[in-house]
Amino acid sequence: MLIAFALASALLPQEAPQAAPAQTQPAPAAAPAESPERVVCRREYVTGSNRPRRVCSTVREREEVRDSSQRLADRIQERPATPIGRDGGGG
C-alpha cells in the first residue's frame, strides 16, 4: 500500500497546473458566401406520389422565390379582413 501511495504521489503534479499557451493560429474564417450562380438540387415529394422528384435551381433563384413568397405573405397579413356575406355575418 505504501508503494501505491508513493507511485500515485509521483504521478500527481507537484505544482499548480499552468494555463495552456495561447494559440497562435487564427480562428477559421466564416464560411464564404454562396455564389449566386451555384446550382443546388433537392428532393421534393409531389402531392399524390411517394416518389421524390429532383428539383435543381440556382442560389439566386431560390432567394428570389423566398423573397417573393415573403412579400406575398406580408401583403396578405396587412390586408384588412373582409366580412363574409352582405350583413357581415358568417352565414
C-alpha atoms as a PDB file:
ATOM      1  CA  MET A   1       0.000   0.000   0.000  1.00  0.00           C
ATOM      2  CA  LEU A   2       2.865   2.320   0.712  1.00  0.00           C
ATOM      3  CA  ILE A   3       4.217   1.672  -2.786  1.00  0.00           C
ATOM      4  CA  ALA A   4       0.844   2.580  -4.327  1.00  0.00           C
ATOM      5  CA  PHE A   5       0.776   5.845  -2.386  1.00  0.00           C
ATOM      6  CA  ALA A   6       4.333   6.717  -3.417  1.00  0.00           C
ATOM      7  CA  LEU A   7       3.573   5.907  -7.052  1.00  0.00           C
ATOM      8  CA  ALA A   8       0.362   7.969  -7.018  1.00  0.00           C
ATOM      9  CA  SER A   9       2.108  10.974  -5.448  1.00  0.00           C
ATOM     10  CA  ALA A  10       4.895  10.745  -8.018  1.00  0.00           C
ATOM     11  CA  LEU A  11       2.369  10.831 -10.838  1.00  0.00           C
ATOM     12  CA  LEU A  12       0.430  13.785  -9.472  1.00  0.00           C
ATOM     13  CA  PRO A  13       1.722  17.222 -10.432  1.00  0.00           C
ATOM     14  CA  GLN A  14       3.587  18.971  -7.646  1.00  0.00           C
ATOM     15  CA  GLU A  15       2.823  22.487  -8.910  1.00  0.00           C
ATOM     16  CA  ALA A  16      -0.424  24.115  -9.807  1.00  0.00           C
ATOM     17  CA  PRO A  17      -1.191  23.418 -13.453  1.00  0.00           C
ATOM     18  CA  GLN A  18      -0.297  26.282 -15.726  1.00  0.00           C
ATOM     19  CA  ALA A  19      -2.658  27.611 -18.351  1.00  0.00           C
ATOM     20  CA  ALA A  20      -2.079  26.403 -21.862  1.00  0.00           C
ATOM     21  CA  PRO A  21      -0.282  28.923 -24.079  1.00  0.00           C
ATOM     22  CA  ALA A  22      -2.485  30.987 -26.325  1.00  0.00           C
ATOM     23  CA  GLN A  23      -3.000  29.543 -29.764  1.00  0.00           C
ATOM     24  CA  THR A  24      -1.132  31.376 -32.455  1.00  0.00           C
ATOM     25  CA  GLN A  25      -3.329  30.104 -35.251  1.00  0.00           C
ATOM     26  CA  PRO A  26      -6.198  32.410 -36.196  1.00  0.00           C
ATOM     27  CA  ALA A  27      -9.721  31.147 -35.797  1.00  0.00           C
ATOM     28  CA  PRO A  28     -11.216  29.760 -39.006  1.00  0.00           C
ATOM     29  CA  ALA A  29     -12.972  32.423 -41.040  1.00  0.00           C
ATOM     30  CA  ALA A  30     -16.701  32.292 -41.540  1.00  0.00           C
ATOM     31  CA  ALA A  31     -17.886  30.262 -44.499  1.00  0.00           C
ATOM     32  CA  PRO A  32     -17.677  32.248 -47.715  1.00  0.00           C
ATOM     33  CA  ALA A  33     -20.942  33.479 -49.140  1.00  0.00           C
ATOM     34  CA  GLU A  34     -22.521  31.140 -51.649  1.00  0.00           C
ATOM     35  CA  SER A  35     -22.091  32.024 -55.264  1.00  0.00           C
ATOM     36  CA  PRO A  36     -25.449  33.221 -56.644  1.00  0.00           C
ATOM     37  CA  GLU A  37     -24.956  31.083 -59.729  1.00  0.00           C
ATOM     38  CA  ARG A  38     -24.231  27.853 -57.832  1.00  0.00           C
ATOM     39  CA  VAL A  39     -26.783  25.148 -58.640  1.00  0.00           C
ATOM     40  CA  VAL A  40     -28.408  23.434 -55.666  1.00  0.00           C
ATOM     41  CA  CYS A  41     -30.601  20.348 -56.012  1.00  0.00           C
ATOM     42  CA  ARG A  42     -33.052  18.913 -53.528  1.00  0.00           C
ATOM     43  CA  ARG A  43     -35.659  16.189 -53.444  1.00  0.00           C
ATOM     44  CA  GLU A  44     -39.315  17.218 -53.263  1.00  0.00           C
ATOM     45  CA  TYR A  45     -42.331  14.987 -52.912  1.00  0.00           C
ATOM     46  CA  VAL A  46     -45.112  15.679 -55.380  1.00  0.00           C
ATOM     47  CA  THR A  47     -48.634  15.588 -53.951  1.00  0.00           C
ATOM     48  CA  GLY A  48     -50.168  12.167 -54.628  1.00  0.00           C
ATOM     49  CA  SER A  49     -46.828  10.433 -55.092  1.00  0.00           C
ATOM     50  CA  ASN A  50     -44.477   8.642 -52.722  1.00  0.00           C
ATOM     51  CA  ARG A  51     -41.606   9.068 -55.107  1.00  0.00           C
ATOM     52  CA  PRO A  52     -39.460  12.185 -54.719  1.00  0.00           C
ATOM     53  CA  ARG A  53     -38.597  14.390 -57.668  1.00  0.00           C
ATOM     54  CA  ARG A  54     -35.233  16.095 -58.026  1.00  0.00           C
ATOM     55  CA  VAL A  55     -35.564  19.871 -58.331  1.00  0.00           C
ATOM     56  CA  CYS A  56     -32.496  21.958 -59.163  1.00  0.00           C
ATOM     57  CA  SER A  57     -32.150  25.749 -59.149  1.00  0.00           C
ATOM     58  CA  THR A  58     -29.502  28.369 -58.552  1.00  0.00           C
ATOM     59  CA  VAL A  59     -28.983  30.070 -55.213  1.00  0.00           C
ATOM     60  CA  ARG A  60     -30.212  33.317 -56.781  1.00  0.00           C
ATOM     61  CA  GLU A  61     -33.464  31.694 -57.989  1.00  0.00           C
ATOM     62  CA  ARG A  62     -34.107  30.257 -54.529  1.00  0.00           C
ATOM     63  CA  GLU A  63     -33.561  33.658 -52.933  1.00  0.00           C
ATOM     64  CA  GLU A  64     -35.937  35.300 -55.424  1.00  0.00           C
ATOM     65  CA  VAL A  65     -38.656  32.717 -54.699  1.00  0.00           C
ATOM     66  CA  ARG A  66     -38.132  33.113 -50.944  1.00  0.00           C
ATOM     67  CA  ASP A  67     -38.297  36.920 -51.156  1.00  0.00           C
ATOM     68  CA  SER A  68     -41.372  36.841 -53.394  1.00  0.00           C
ATOM     69  CA  SER A  69     -43.145  34.442 -51.026  1.00  0.00           C
ATOM     70  CA  GLN A  70     -42.289  36.636 -48.053  1.00  0.00           C
ATOM     71  CA  ARG A  71     -43.639  39.767 -49.780  1.00  0.00           C
ATOM     72  CA  LEU A  72     -46.882  37.923 -50.646  1.00  0.00           C
ATOM     73  CA  ALA A  73     -47.286  36.732 -47.056  1.00  0.00           C
ATOM     74  CA  ASP A  74     -46.676  40.269 -45.772  1.00  0.00           C
ATOM     75  CA  ARG A  75     -49.275  41.711 -48.163  1.00  0.00           C
ATOM     76  CA  ILE A  76     -51.857  39.126 -47.122  1.00  0.00           C
ATOM     77  CA  GLN A  77     -51.293  39.859 -43.436  1.00  0.00           C
ATOM     78  CA  GLU A  78     -51.560  43.625 -43.951  1.00  0.00           C
ATOM     79  CA  ARG A  79     -54.878  43.397 -45.799  1.00  0.00           C
ATOM     80  CA  PRO A  80     -57.945  44.162 -43.714  1.00  0.00           C
ATOM     81  CA  ALA A  81     -60.282  41.272 -43.049  1.00  0.00           C
ATOM     82  CA  THR A  82     -63.290  41.227 -45.356  1.00  0.00           C
ATOM     83  CA  PRO A  83     -66.681  40.291 -43.958  1.00  0.00           C
ATOM     84  CA  ILE A  84     -68.460  37.284 -45.400  1.00  0.00           C
ATOM     85  CA  GLY A  85     -71.992  37.882 -46.668  1.00  0.00           C
ATOM     86  CA  ARG A  86     -73.962  41.089 -47.094  1.00  0.00           C
ATOM     87  CA  ASP A  87     -74.602  41.829 -43.456  1.00  0.00           C
ATOM     88  CA  GLY A  88     -71.071  40.992 -42.322  1.00  0.00           C
ATOM     89  CA  GLY A  89     -72.213  37.745 -40.749  1.00  0.00           C
ATOM     90  CA  GLY A  90     -70.723  34.363 -41.417  1.00  0.00           C
ATOM     91  CA  GLY A  91     -73.689  32.597 -42.853  1.00  0.00           C
END
